[in-house]
Amino acid sequence: MISVHPQYIKDANGNPSLVVLPAQEFESMMEELEELEDIRLYDEAKKEDTGERMLFSDYLKRRQVKHA
């Protein structure tokens, strides 16, 4: 778990409007979010997987035919 130490900046009415984080904490949060996005994309791709596979060499041949 990421330890976060936010500092809040308030507007003229005293309501929190901005948050300031140390750069290292921000970078850690961004890395965690990227990892979660990768997991989400993997799960989505796995749901759509039909099980069909082809050799990479066959893929290259098909690609050459399409782009010829």
C-alpha atoms as a PDB file:
ATOM      1  CA  MET A   1       0.000   0.000   0.000  1.00  0.00           C
ATOM      2  CA  ILE A   2       1.171   3.487  -0.830  1.00  0.00           C
ATOM      3  CA  SER A   3       1.621   5.894   2.030  1.00  0.00           C
ATOM      4  CA  VAL A   4       0.311   9.315   0.985  1.00  0.00           C
ATOM      5  CA  HIS A   5       0.805  12.607   2.784  1.00  0.00           C
ATOM      6  CA  PRO A   6      -1.358  15.148   0.950  1.00  0.00           C
ATOM      7  CA  GLN A   7      -1.410  18.854   1.648  1.00  0.00           C
ATOM      8  CA  TYR A   8      -4.672  20.590   0.819  1.00  0.00           C
ATOM      9  CA  ILE A   9      -4.908  24.098  -0.584  1.00  0.00           C
ATOM     10  CA  LYS A  10      -8.180  25.827   0.115  1.00  0.00           C
ATOM     11  CA  ASP A  11     -10.042  28.354  -1.973  1.00  0.00           C
ATOM     12  CA  ALA A  12     -11.264  31.744  -0.770  1.00  0.00           C
ATOM     13  CA  ASN A  13     -14.287  30.073   0.869  1.00  0.00           C
ATOM     14  CA  GLY A  14     -12.157  27.631   2.834  1.00  0.00           C
ATOM     15  CA  ASN A  15     -13.070  24.619   0.674  1.00  0.00           C
ATOM     16  CA  PRO A  16     -10.290  22.248  -0.395  1.00  0.00           C
ATOM     17  CA  SER A  17      -9.557  22.909  -4.072  1.00  0.00           C
ATOM     18  CA  LEU A  18      -6.080  21.483  -4.727  1.00  0.00           C
ATOM     19  CA  VAL A  19      -3.895  18.697  -3.371  1.00  0.00           C
ATOM     20  CA  VAL A  20      -0.108  18.773  -3.212  1.00  0.00           C
ATOM     21  CA  LEU A  21       1.848  15.523  -2.931  1.00  0.00           C
ATOM     22  CA  PRO A  22       5.563  14.861  -2.659  1.00  0.00           C
ATOM     23  CA  ALA A  23       6.898  13.904  -6.104  1.00  0.00           C
ATOM     24  CA  GLN A  24       7.929  10.402  -5.014  1.00  0.00           C
ATOM     25  CA  GLU A  25       4.430   9.664  -3.666  1.00  0.00           C
ATOM     26  CA  PHE A  26       2.894  10.966  -6.893  1.00  0.00           C
ATOM     27  CA  GLU A  27       5.212   8.773  -8.999  1.00  0.00           C
ATOM     28  CA  SER A  28       4.332   5.725  -6.872  1.00  0.00           C
ATOM     29  CA  MET A  29       0.630   6.415  -7.372  1.00  0.00           C
ATOM     30  CA  MET A  30       1.089   6.764 -11.135  1.00  0.00           C
ATOM     31  CA  GLU A  31       2.993   3.456 -11.304  1.00  0.00           C
ATOM     32  CA  GLU A  32       0.221   1.706  -9.370  1.00  0.00           C
ATOM     33  CA  LEU A  33      -2.433   3.185 -11.669  1.00  0.00           C
ATOM     34  CA  GLU A  34      -0.502   2.053 -14.750  1.00  0.00           C
ATOM     35  CA  GLU A  35      -0.244  -1.451 -13.333  1.00  0.00           C
ATOM     36  CA  LEU A  36      -3.980  -1.525 -12.616  1.00  0.00           C
ATOM     37  CA  GLU A  37      -4.662  -0.354 -16.174  1.00  0.00           C
ATOM     38  CA  ASP A  38      -2.463  -3.162 -17.520  1.00  0.00           C
ATOM     39  CA  ILE A  39      -4.396  -5.685 -15.426  1.00  0.00           C
ATOM     40  CA  ARG A  40      -7.717  -4.284 -16.672  1.00  0.00           C
ATOM     41  CA  LEU A  41      -6.582  -4.486 -20.298  1.00  0.00           C
ATOM     42  CA  TYR A  42      -5.324  -8.046 -19.794  1.00  0.00           C
ATOM     43  CA  ASP A  43      -8.642  -9.119 -18.247  1.00  0.00           C
ATOM     44  CA  GLU A  44     -10.548  -7.478 -21.122  1.00  0.00           C
ATOM     45  CA  ALA A  45      -8.372  -9.176 -23.749  1.00  0.00           C
ATOM     46  CA  LYS A  46      -8.727 -12.527 -22.006  1.00  0.00           C
ATOM     47  CA  LYS A  47     -12.543 -12.259 -22.145  1.00  0.00           C
ATOM     48  CA  GLU A  48     -12.379 -11.651 -25.897  1.00  0.00           C
ATOM     49  CA  ASP A  49      -9.876 -14.470 -26.546  1.00  0.00           C
ATOM     50  CA  THR A  50     -11.298 -17.103 -28.894  1.00  0.00           C
ATOM     51  CA  GLY A  51      -8.383 -19.469 -28.408  1.00  0.00           C
ATOM     52  CA  GLU A  52      -7.331 -19.175 -32.056  1.00  0.00           C
ATOM     53  CA  ARG A  53      -3.558 -19.043 -32.494  1.00  0.00           C
ATOM     54  CA  MET A  54      -1.220 -18.737 -35.463  1.00  0.00           C
ATOM     55  CA  LEU A  55       2.504 -18.913 -35.984  1.00  0.00           C
ATOM     56  CA  PHE A  56       4.278 -15.587 -36.167  1.00  0.00           C
ATOM     57  CA  SER A  57       5.635 -16.528 -39.597  1.00  0.00           C
ATOM     58  CA  ASP A  58       2.043 -17.066 -40.828  1.00  0.00           C
ATOM     59  CA  TYR A  59       1.054 -13.683 -39.413  1.00  0.00           C
ATOM     60  CA  LEU A  60       3.907 -12.022 -41.306  1.00  0.00           C
ATOM     61  CA  LYS A  61       2.848 -13.729 -44.542  1.00  0.00           C
ATOM     62  CA  ARG A  62      -0.761 -12.539 -44.115  1.00  0.00           C
ATOM     63  CA  ARG A  63       0.422  -9.052 -43.334  1.00  0.00           C
ATOM     64  CA  GLN A  64       2.581  -8.927 -46.461  1.00  0.00           C
ATOM     65  CA  VAL A  65      -0.380 -10.009 -48.574  1.00  0.00           C
ATOM     66  CA  LYS A  66      -2.668  -7.351 -47.036  1.00  0.00           C
ATOM     67  CA  HIS A  67      -0.131  -4.538 -47.510  1.00  0.00           C
ATOM     68  CA  ALA A  68       1.031  -5.532 -50.986  1.00  0.00           C
END
